[in-house]
């Protein structure tokens, strides 16, 4: 009787382990579509296709290359042009 109970318990544990393994595999099979440009969180609108951009740093994206260039031209950075 103990052998029968032991065998049924072992079979149930093995079946539960196989079922959990398949569930884990199905959980990770989902593919996610990433952001199209991994280097930019927000699409940039300047410079335009014609090369135009506003020369007022207040209208540019804070911390962008164009923003820093304009801030340096205006002498509003530490150690900017004199």
PDB file of N, CA and C in Angstrom:
ATOM      1  N   UNK A   1       0.809  -1.181   0.000  1.00  0.00           N
ATOM      2  CA  UNK A   1       0.000   0.000   0.000  1.00  0.00           C
ATOM      3  C   UNK A   1       0.866   1.264   0.000  1.00  0.00           C
ATOM      4  N   UNK A   2       1.936   1.245   0.802  1.00  0.00           N
ATOM      5  CA  UNK A   2       2.834   2.389   0.838  1.00  0.00           C
ATOM      6  C   UNK A   2       3.515   2.594  -0.508  1.00  0.00           C
ATOM      7  N   UNK A   3       3.863   1.488  -1.163  1.00  0.00           N
ATOM      8  CA  UNK A   3       4.512   1.579  -2.467  1.00  0.00           C
ATOM      9  C   UNK A   3       3.581   2.194  -3.503  1.00  0.00           C
ATOM     10  N   UNK A   4       2.316   1.826  -3.482  1.00  0.00           N
ATOM     11  CA  UNK A   4       1.336   2.375  -4.411  1.00  0.00           C
ATOM     12  C   UNK A   4       1.147   3.876  -4.169  1.00  0.00           C
ATOM     13  N   UNK A   5       1.020   4.260  -2.901  1.00  0.00           N
ATOM     14  CA  UNK A   5       0.862   5.665  -2.556  1.00  0.00           C
ATOM     15  C   UNK A   5       2.103   6.465  -2.947  1.00  0.00           C
ATOM     16  N   UNK A   6       3.276   5.904  -2.708  1.00  0.00           N
ATOM     17  CA  UNK A   6       4.528   6.557  -3.086  1.00  0.00           C
ATOM     18  C   UNK A   6       4.613   6.725  -4.600  1.00  0.00           C
ATOM     19  N   UNK A   7       4.248   5.720  -5.358  1.00  0.00           N
ATOM     20  CA  UNK A   7       4.281   5.773  -6.820  1.00  0.00           C
ATOM     21  C   UNK A   7       3.328   6.816  -7.373  1.00  0.00           C
ATOM     22  N   UNK A   8       2.106   6.889  -6.823  1.00  0.00           N
ATOM     23  CA  UNK A   8       1.145   7.888  -7.279  1.00  0.00           C
ATOM     24  C   UNK A   8       1.608   9.309  -6.946  1.00  0.00           C
ATOM     25  N   UNK A   9       2.190   9.477  -5.765  1.00  0.00           N
ATOM     26  CA  UNK A   9       2.691  10.796  -5.373  1.00  0.00           C
ATOM     27  C   UNK A   9       3.844  11.223  -6.282  1.00  0.00           C
ATOM     28  N   UNK A  10       4.750  10.299  -6.558  1.00  0.00           N
ATOM     29  CA  UNK A  10       5.884  10.605  -7.440  1.00  0.00           C
ATOM     30  C   UNK A  10       5.399  10.954  -8.841  1.00  0.00           C
ATOM     31  N   UNK A  11       4.420  10.214  -9.361  1.00  0.00           N
ATOM     32  CA  UNK A  11       3.890  10.487 -10.697  1.00  0.00           C
ATOM     33  C   UNK A  11       3.205  11.853 -10.733  1.00  0.00           C
ATOM     34  N   UNK A  12       2.495  12.205  -9.670  1.00  0.00           N
ATOM     35  CA  UNK A  12       1.815  13.502  -9.625  1.00  0.00           C
ATOM     36  C   UNK A  12       2.832  14.643  -9.582  1.00  0.00           C
ATOM     37  N   UNK A  13       3.907  14.474  -8.812  1.00  0.00           N
ATOM     38  CA  UNK A  13       4.930  15.508  -8.741  1.00  0.00           C
ATOM     39  C   UNK A  13       5.656  15.677 -10.072  1.00  0.00           C
ATOM     40  N   UNK A  14       5.921  14.564 -10.739  1.00  0.00           N
ATOM     41  CA  UNK A  14       6.586  14.633 -12.044  1.00  0.00           C
ATOM     42  C   UNK A  14       5.677  15.321 -13.056  1.00  0.00           C
ATOM     43  N   UNK A  15       4.398  14.975 -13.065  1.00  0.00           N
ATOM     44  CA  UNK A  15       3.444  15.589 -13.994  1.00  0.00           C
ATOM     45  C   UNK A  15       3.305  17.091 -13.706  1.00  0.00           C
ATOM     46  N   UNK A  16       3.303  17.469 -12.441  1.00  0.00           N
ATOM     47  CA  UNK A  16       3.194  18.882 -12.088  1.00  0.00           C
ATOM     48  C   UNK A  16       4.441  19.641 -12.533  1.00  0.00           C
ATOM     49  N   UNK A  17       5.597  19.026 -12.428  1.00  0.00           N
ATOM     50  CA  UNK A  17       6.849  19.664 -12.858  1.00  0.00           C
ATOM     51  C   UNK A  17       6.891  19.856 -14.358  1.00  0.00           C
ATOM     52  N   UNK A  18       6.403  18.881 -15.110  1.00  0.00           N
ATOM     53  CA  UNK A  18       6.371  18.996 -16.569  1.00  0.00           C
ATOM     54  C   UNK A  18       5.386  20.081 -16.981  1.00  0.00           C
ATOM     55  N   UNK A  19       4.244  20.151 -16.344  1.00  0.00           N
ATOM     56  CA  UNK A  19       3.259  21.190 -16.661  1.00  0.00           C
ATOM     57  C   UNK A  19       3.774  22.574 -16.342  1.00  0.00           C
ATOM     58  N   UNK A  20       4.487  22.716 -15.238  1.00  0.00           N
ATOM     59  CA  UNK A  20       5.040  24.021 -14.875  1.00  0.00           C
ATOM     60  C   UNK A  20       6.145  24.419 -15.846  1.00  0.00           C
ATOM     61  N   UNK A  21       6.904  23.466 -16.319  1.00  0.00           N
ATOM     62  CA  UNK A  21       7.961  23.753 -17.289  1.00  0.00           C
ATOM     63  C   UNK A  21       7.381  24.275 -18.589  1.00  0.00           C
ATOM     64  N   UNK A  22       6.300  23.706 -19.047  1.00  0.00           N
ATOM     65  CA  UNK A  22       5.665  24.185 -20.274  1.00  0.00           C
ATOM     66  C   UNK A  22       5.065  25.566 -20.079  1.00  0.00           C
ATOM     67  N   UNK A  23       4.485  25.811 -18.923  1.00  0.00           N
ATOM     68  CA  UNK A  23       3.890  27.118 -18.649  1.00  0.00           C
ATOM     69  C   UNK A  23       4.968  28.199 -18.632  1.00  0.00           C
ATOM     70  N   UNK A  24       6.115  27.886 -18.048  1.00  0.00           N
ATOM     71  CA  UNK A  24       7.197  28.857 -18.002  1.00  0.00           C
ATOM     72  C   UNK A  24       7.706  29.147 -19.412  1.00  0.00           C
ATOM     73  N   UNK A  25       7.786  28.125 -20.245  1.00  0.00           N
ATOM     74  CA  UNK A  25       8.243  28.306 -21.616  1.00  0.00           C
ATOM     75  C   UNK A  25       7.262  29.170 -22.393  1.00  0.00           C
ATOM     76  N   UNK A  26       5.994  28.948 -22.233  1.00  0.00           N
ATOM     77  CA  UNK A  26       4.991  29.735 -22.939  1.00  0.00           C
ATOM     78  C   UNK A  26       5.005  31.177 -22.463  1.00  0.00           C
ATOM     79  N   UNK A  27       5.297  31.392 -21.201  1.00  0.00           N
ATOM     80  CA  UNK A  27       5.334  32.739 -20.663  1.00  0.00           C
ATOM     81  C   UNK A  27       6.449  33.559 -21.301  1.00  0.00           C
ATOM     82  N   UNK A  28       7.581  32.943 -21.615  1.00  0.00           N
ATOM     83  CA  UNK A  28       8.718  33.657 -22.170  1.00  0.00           C
ATOM     84  C   UNK A  28       8.723  33.685 -23.693  1.00  0.00           C
ATOM     85  N   UNK A  29       7.782  33.024 -24.321  1.00  0.00           N
ATOM     86  CA  UNK A  29       7.774  32.974 -25.771  1.00  0.00           C
ATOM     87  C   UNK A  29       7.217  34.250 -26.397  1.00  0.00           C
ATOM     88  N   UNK A  30       6.606  35.131 -25.609  1.00  0.00           N
ATOM     89  CA  UNK A  30       6.020  36.358 -26.130  1.00  0.00           C
ATOM     90  C   UNK A  30       7.122  37.325 -26.558  1.00  0.00           C
ATOM     91  N   UNK A  31       6.982  37.880 -27.737  1.00  0.00           N
ATOM     92  CA  UNK A  31       7.968  38.827 -28.234  1.00  0.00           C
ATOM     93  C   UNK A  31       7.441  40.247 -28.062  1.00  0.00           C
ATOM     94  N   UNK A  32       8.332  41.142 -27.695  1.00  0.00           N
ATOM     95  CA  UNK A  32       7.971  42.528 -27.503  1.00  0.00           C
ATOM     96  C   UNK A  32       8.627  43.376 -28.586  1.00  0.00           C
ATOM     97  N   UNK A  33       7.900  44.353 -29.073  1.00  0.00           N
ATOM     98  CA  UNK A  33       8.429  45.263 -30.077  1.00  0.00           C
ATOM     99  C   UNK A  33       9.047  46.443 -29.351  1.00  0.00           C
ATOM    100  N   UNK A  34      10.322  46.675 -29.588  1.00  0.00           N
ATOM    101  CA  UNK A  34      11.009  47.758 -28.915  1.00  0.00           C
ATOM    102  C   UNK A  34      10.742  49.102 -29.575  1.00  0.00           C
ATOM    103  N   UNK A  35      11.297  50.142 -28.994  1.00  0.00           N
ATOM    104  CA  UNK A  35      11.185  51.484 -29.553  1.00  0.00           C
ATOM    105  C   UNK A  35      11.967  51.513 -30.859  1.00  0.00           C
ATOM    106  N   UNK A  36      11.462  52.155 -31.903  1.00  0.00           N
ATOM    107  CA  UNK A  36      12.165  52.149 -33.187  1.00  0.00           C
ATOM    108  C   UNK A  36      13.549  52.780 -33.136  1.00  0.00           C
ATOM    109  N   UNK A  37      13.767  53.782 -32.289  1.00  0.00           N
ATOM    110  CA  UNK A  37      15.073  54.406 -32.171  1.00  0.00           C
ATOM    111  C   UNK A  37      15.530  54.296 -30.721  1.00  0.00           C
ATOM    112  N   UNK A  38      16.444  53.361 -30.415  1.00  0.00           N
ATOM    113  CA  UNK A  38      16.822  53.150 -29.022  1.00  0.00           C
ATOM    114  C   UNK A  38      17.609  54.302 -28.415  1.00  0.00           C
ATOM    115  N   UNK A  39      18.095  55.243 -29.226  1.00  0.00           N
ATOM    116  CA  UNK A  39      18.902  56.331 -28.698  1.00  0.00           C
ATOM    117  C   UNK A  39      18.099  57.602 -28.446  1.00  0.00           C
ATOM    118  N   UNK A  40      16.824  57.588 -28.770  1.00  0.00           N
ATOM    119  CA  UNK A  40      16.018  58.794 -28.618  1.00  0.00           C
ATOM    120  C   UNK A  40      14.662  58.443 -28.027  1.00  0.00           C
ATOM    121  N   UNK A  41      14.324  59.052 -26.905  1.00  0.00           N
ATOM    122  CA  UNK A  41      13.023  58.801 -26.301  1.00  0.00           C
ATOM    123  C   UNK A  41      11.944  59.624 -26.985  1.00  0.00           C
ATOM    124  N   UNK A  42      12.309  60.791 -27.495  1.00  0.00           N
ATOM    125  CA  UNK A  42      11.360  61.680 -28.156  1.00  0.00           C
ATOM    126  C   UNK A  42      11.898  62.004 -29.538  1.00  0.00           C
ATOM    127  N   UNK A  43      11.068  61.895 -30.564  1.00  0.00           N
ATOM    128  CA  UNK A  43      11.568  62.245 -31.901  1.00  0.00           C
ATOM    129  C   UNK A  43      11.966  63.724 -31.965  1.00  0.00           C
ATOM    130  N   UNK A  44      13.072  63.996 -32.583  1.00  0.00           N
ATOM    131  CA  UNK A  44      13.568  65.359 -32.693  1.00  0.00           C
ATOM    132  C   UNK A  44      12.895  66.067 -33.863  1.00  0.00           C
ATOM    133  N   UNK A  45      12.505  67.329 -33.658  1.00  0.00           N
ATOM    134  CA  UNK A  45      11.890  68.060 -34.752  1.00  0.00           C
ATOM    135  C   UNK A  45      12.836  69.081 -35.369  1.00  0.00           C
ATOM    136  N   UNK A  46      13.996  69.311 -34.763  1.00  0.00           N
ATOM    137  CA  UNK A  46      14.980  70.232 -35.317  1.00  0.00           C
ATOM    138  C   UNK A  46      16.278  69.494 -35.524  1.00  0.00           C
ATOM    139  N   UNK A  47      17.082  69.812 -36.487  1.00  0.00           N
ATOM    140  CA  UNK A  47      16.806  70.699 -37.599  1.00  0.00           C
ATOM    141  C   UNK A  47      15.832  70.059 -38.583  1.00  0.00           C
ATOM    142  N   UNK A  48      15.121  70.880 -39.313  1.00  0.00           N
ATOM    143  CA  UNK A  48      14.153  70.375 -40.285  1.00  0.00           C
ATOM    144  C   UNK A  48      14.885  69.834 -41.501  1.00  0.00           C
ATOM    145  N   UNK A  49      14.131  69.359 -42.468  1.00  0.00           N
ATOM    146  CA  UNK A  49      14.759  68.805 -43.670  1.00  0.00           C
ATOM    147  C   UNK A  49      15.525  69.866 -44.446  1.00  0.00           C
ATOM    148  N   UNK A  50      15.228  71.137 -44.210  1.00  0.00           N
ATOM    149  CA  UNK A  50      15.934  72.222 -44.894  1.00  0.00           C
ATOM    150  C   UNK A  50      17.094  72.753 -44.077  1.00  0.00           C
ATOM    151  N   UNK A  51      17.315  72.213 -42.866  1.00  0.00           N
ATOM    152  CA  UNK A  51      18.418  72.635 -42.025  1.00  0.00           C
ATOM    153  C   UNK A  51      18.079  73.806 -41.121  1.00  0.00           C
ATOM    154  N   UNK A  52      16.812  74.216 -41.090  1.00  0.00           N
ATOM    155  CA  UNK A  52      16.416  75.356 -40.261  1.00  0.00           C
ATOM    156  C   UNK A  52      16.152  74.905 -38.839  1.00  0.00           C
ATOM    157  N   UNK A  53      16.521  75.734 -37.871  1.00  0.00           N
ATOM    158  CA  UNK A  53      16.148  75.523 -36.477  1.00  0.00           C
ATOM    159  C   UNK A  53      16.130  76.882 -35.788  1.00  0.00           C
ATOM    160  N   UNK A  54      15.351  77.032 -34.735  1.00  0.00           N
ATOM    161  CA  UNK A  54      15.309  78.320 -34.040  1.00  0.00           C
ATOM    162  C   UNK A  54      16.623  78.572 -33.312  1.00  0.00           C
ATOM    163  N   UNK A  55      17.071  79.794 -33.312  1.00  0.00           N
ATOM    164  CA  UNK A  55      18.328  80.126 -32.655  1.00  0.00           C
ATOM    165  C   UNK A  55      18.108  80.652 -31.245  1.00  0.00           C
ATOM    166  N   UNK A  56      16.956  80.400 -30.687  1.00  0.00           N
ATOM    167  CA  UNK A  56      16.646  80.745 -29.308  1.00  0.00           C
ATOM    168  C   UNK A  56      16.691  79.460 -28.485  1.00  0.00           C
ATOM    169  N   UNK A  57      17.611  79.354 -27.521  1.00  0.00           N
ATOM    170  CA  UNK A  57      17.714  78.110 -26.751  1.00  0.00           C
ATOM    171  C   UNK A  57      16.431  77.738 -26.018  1.00  0.00           C
ATOM    172  N   UNK A  58      15.586  78.729 -25.712  1.00  0.00           N
ATOM    173  CA  UNK A  58      14.336  78.435 -25.013  1.00  0.00           C
ATOM    174  C   UNK A  58      13.378  77.616 -25.880  1.00  0.00           C
ATOM    175  N   UNK A  59      13.554  77.654 -27.188  1.00  0.00           N
ATOM    176  CA  UNK A  59      12.683  76.911 -28.097  1.00  0.00           C
ATOM    177  C   UNK A  59      13.258  75.553 -28.480  1.00  0.00           C
ATOM    178  N   UNK A  60      14.481  75.274 -28.078  1.00  0.00           N
ATOM    179  CA  UNK A  60      15.127  73.996 -28.396  1.00  0.00           C
ATOM    180  C   UNK A  60      14.963  73.021 -27.248  1.00  0.00           C
ATOM    181  N   UNK A  61      15.156  71.745 -27.534  1.00  0.00           N
ATOM    182  CA  UNK A  61      15.064  70.707 -26.513  1.00  0.00           C
ATOM    183  C   UNK A  61      16.201  70.889 -25.507  1.00  0.00           C
ATOM    184  N   UNK A  62      15.850  70.937 -24.225  1.00  0.00           N
ATOM    185  CA  UNK A  62      16.830  71.162 -23.171  1.00  0.00           C
ATOM    186  C   UNK A  62      17.908  70.086 -23.189  1.00  0.00           C
ATOM    187  N   UNK A  63      19.162  70.512 -23.220  1.00  0.00           N
ATOM    188  CA  UNK A  63      20.286  69.594 -23.155  1.00  0.00           C
ATOM    189  C   UNK A  63      20.694  68.992 -24.482  1.00  0.00           C
ATOM    190  N   UNK A  64      19.993  69.340 -25.578  1.00  0.00           N
ATOM    191  CA  UNK A  64      20.358  68.783 -26.884  1.00  0.00           C
ATOM    192  C   UNK A  64      21.636  69.453 -27.386  1.00  0.00           C
ATOM    193  N   UNK A  65      22.220  68.881 -28.409  1.00  0.00           N
ATOM    194  CA  UNK A  65      23.442  69.443 -28.978  1.00  0.00           C
ATOM    195  C   UNK A  65      23.201  70.871 -29.466  1.00  0.00           C
ATOM    196  N   UNK A  66      22.073  71.096 -30.151  1.00  0.00           N
ATOM    197  CA  UNK A  66      21.760  72.437 -30.635  1.00  0.00           C
ATOM    198  C   UNK A  66      21.570  73.408 -29.470  1.00  0.00           C
ATOM    199  N   UNK A  67      20.928  72.936 -28.397  1.00  0.00           N
ATOM    200  CA  UNK A  67      20.714  73.785 -27.223  1.00  0.00           C
ATOM    201  C   UNK A  67      22.039  74.226 -26.636  1.00  0.00           C
ATOM    202  N   UNK A  68      22.987  73.271 -26.466  1.00  0.00           N
ATOM    203  CA  UNK A  68      24.297  73.617 -25.909  1.00  0.00           C
ATOM    204  C   UNK A  68      25.054  74.576 -26.825  1.00  0.00           C
ATOM    205  N   UNK A  69      24.969  74.344 -28.141  1.00  0.00           N
ATOM    206  CA  UNK A  69      25.649  75.241 -29.080  1.00  0.00           C
ATOM    207  C   UNK A  69      25.124  76.662 -28.957  1.00  0.00           C
ATOM    208  N   UNK A  70      23.814  76.811 -28.895  1.00  0.00           N
ATOM    209  CA  UNK A  70      23.227  78.148 -28.781  1.00  0.00           C
ATOM    210  C   UNK A  70      23.550  78.791 -27.433  1.00  0.00           C
ATOM    211  N   UNK A  71      23.526  78.012 -26.364  1.00  0.00           N
ATOM    212  CA  UNK A  71      23.870  78.550 -25.045  1.00  0.00           C
ATOM    213  C   UNK A  71      25.318  79.036 -25.032  1.00  0.00           C
ATOM    214  N   UNK A  72      26.210  78.284 -25.688  1.00  0.00           N
ATOM    215  CA  UNK A  72      27.613  78.684 -25.739  1.00  0.00           C
ATOM    216  C   UNK A  72      27.772  79.948 -26.577  1.00  0.00           C
ATOM    217  N   UNK A  73      27.049  80.050 -27.689  1.00  0.00           N
ATOM    218  CA  UNK A  73      27.126  81.254 -28.521  1.00  0.00           C
ATOM    219  C   UNK A  73      26.663  82.491 -27.759  1.00  0.00           C
ATOM    220  N   UNK A  74      25.664  82.309 -26.890  1.00  0.00           N
ATOM    221  CA  UNK A  74      25.152  83.441 -26.123  1.00  0.00           C
ATOM    222  C   UNK A  74      25.978  83.704 -24.877  1.00  0.00           C
ATOM    223  N   UNK A  75      26.943  82.849 -24.582  1.00  0.00           N
ATOM    224  CA  UNK A  75      27.786  83.030 -23.404  1.00  0.00           C
ATOM    225  C   UNK A  75      27.078  82.674 -22.118  1.00  0.00           C
ATOM    226  N   UNK A  76      26.116  81.769 -22.175  1.00  0.00           N
ATOM    227  CA  UNK A  76      25.329  81.402 -20.991  1.00  0.00           C
ATOM    228  C   UNK A  76      25.766  80.080 -20.384  1.00  0.00           C
ATOM    229  N   UNK A  77      26.965  79.622 -20.713  1.00  0.00           N
ATOM    230  CA  UNK A  77      27.503  78.404 -20.099  1.00  0.00           C
ATOM    231  C   UNK A  77      28.751  78.784 -19.298  1.00  0.00           C
ATOM    232  N   UNK A  78      29.131  77.917 -18.410  1.00  0.00           N
ATOM    233  CA  UNK A  78      30.368  78.175 -17.666  1.00  0.00           C
ATOM    234  C   UNK A  78      31.539  78.050 -18.632  1.00  0.00           C
ATOM    235  N   UNK A  79      32.393  79.013 -18.644  1.00  0.00           N
ATOM    236  CA  UNK A  79      33.556  78.945 -19.505  1.00  0.00           C
ATOM    237  C   UNK A  79      33.224  79.131 -20.960  1.00  0.00           C
ATOM    238  N   UNK A  80      32.079  79.747 -21.267  1.00  0.00           N
ATOM    239  CA  UNK A  80      31.695  79.993 -22.658  1.00  0.00           C
ATOM    240  C   UNK A  80      32.598  81.023 -23.308  1.00  0.00           C
ATOM    241  N   UNK A  81      32.338  81.288 -24.552  1.00  0.00           N
ATOM    242  CA  UNK A  81      33.148  82.261 -25.279  1.00  0.00           C
ATOM    243  C   UNK A  81      32.957  83.648 -24.665  1.00  0.00           C
ATOM    244  N   UNK A  82      34.025  84.423 -24.687  1.00  0.00           N
ATOM    245  CA  UNK A  82      33.964  85.791 -24.148  1.00  0.00           C
ATOM    246  C   UNK A  82      33.721  86.787 -25.253  1.00  0.00           C
TER     247      UNK A  82
END
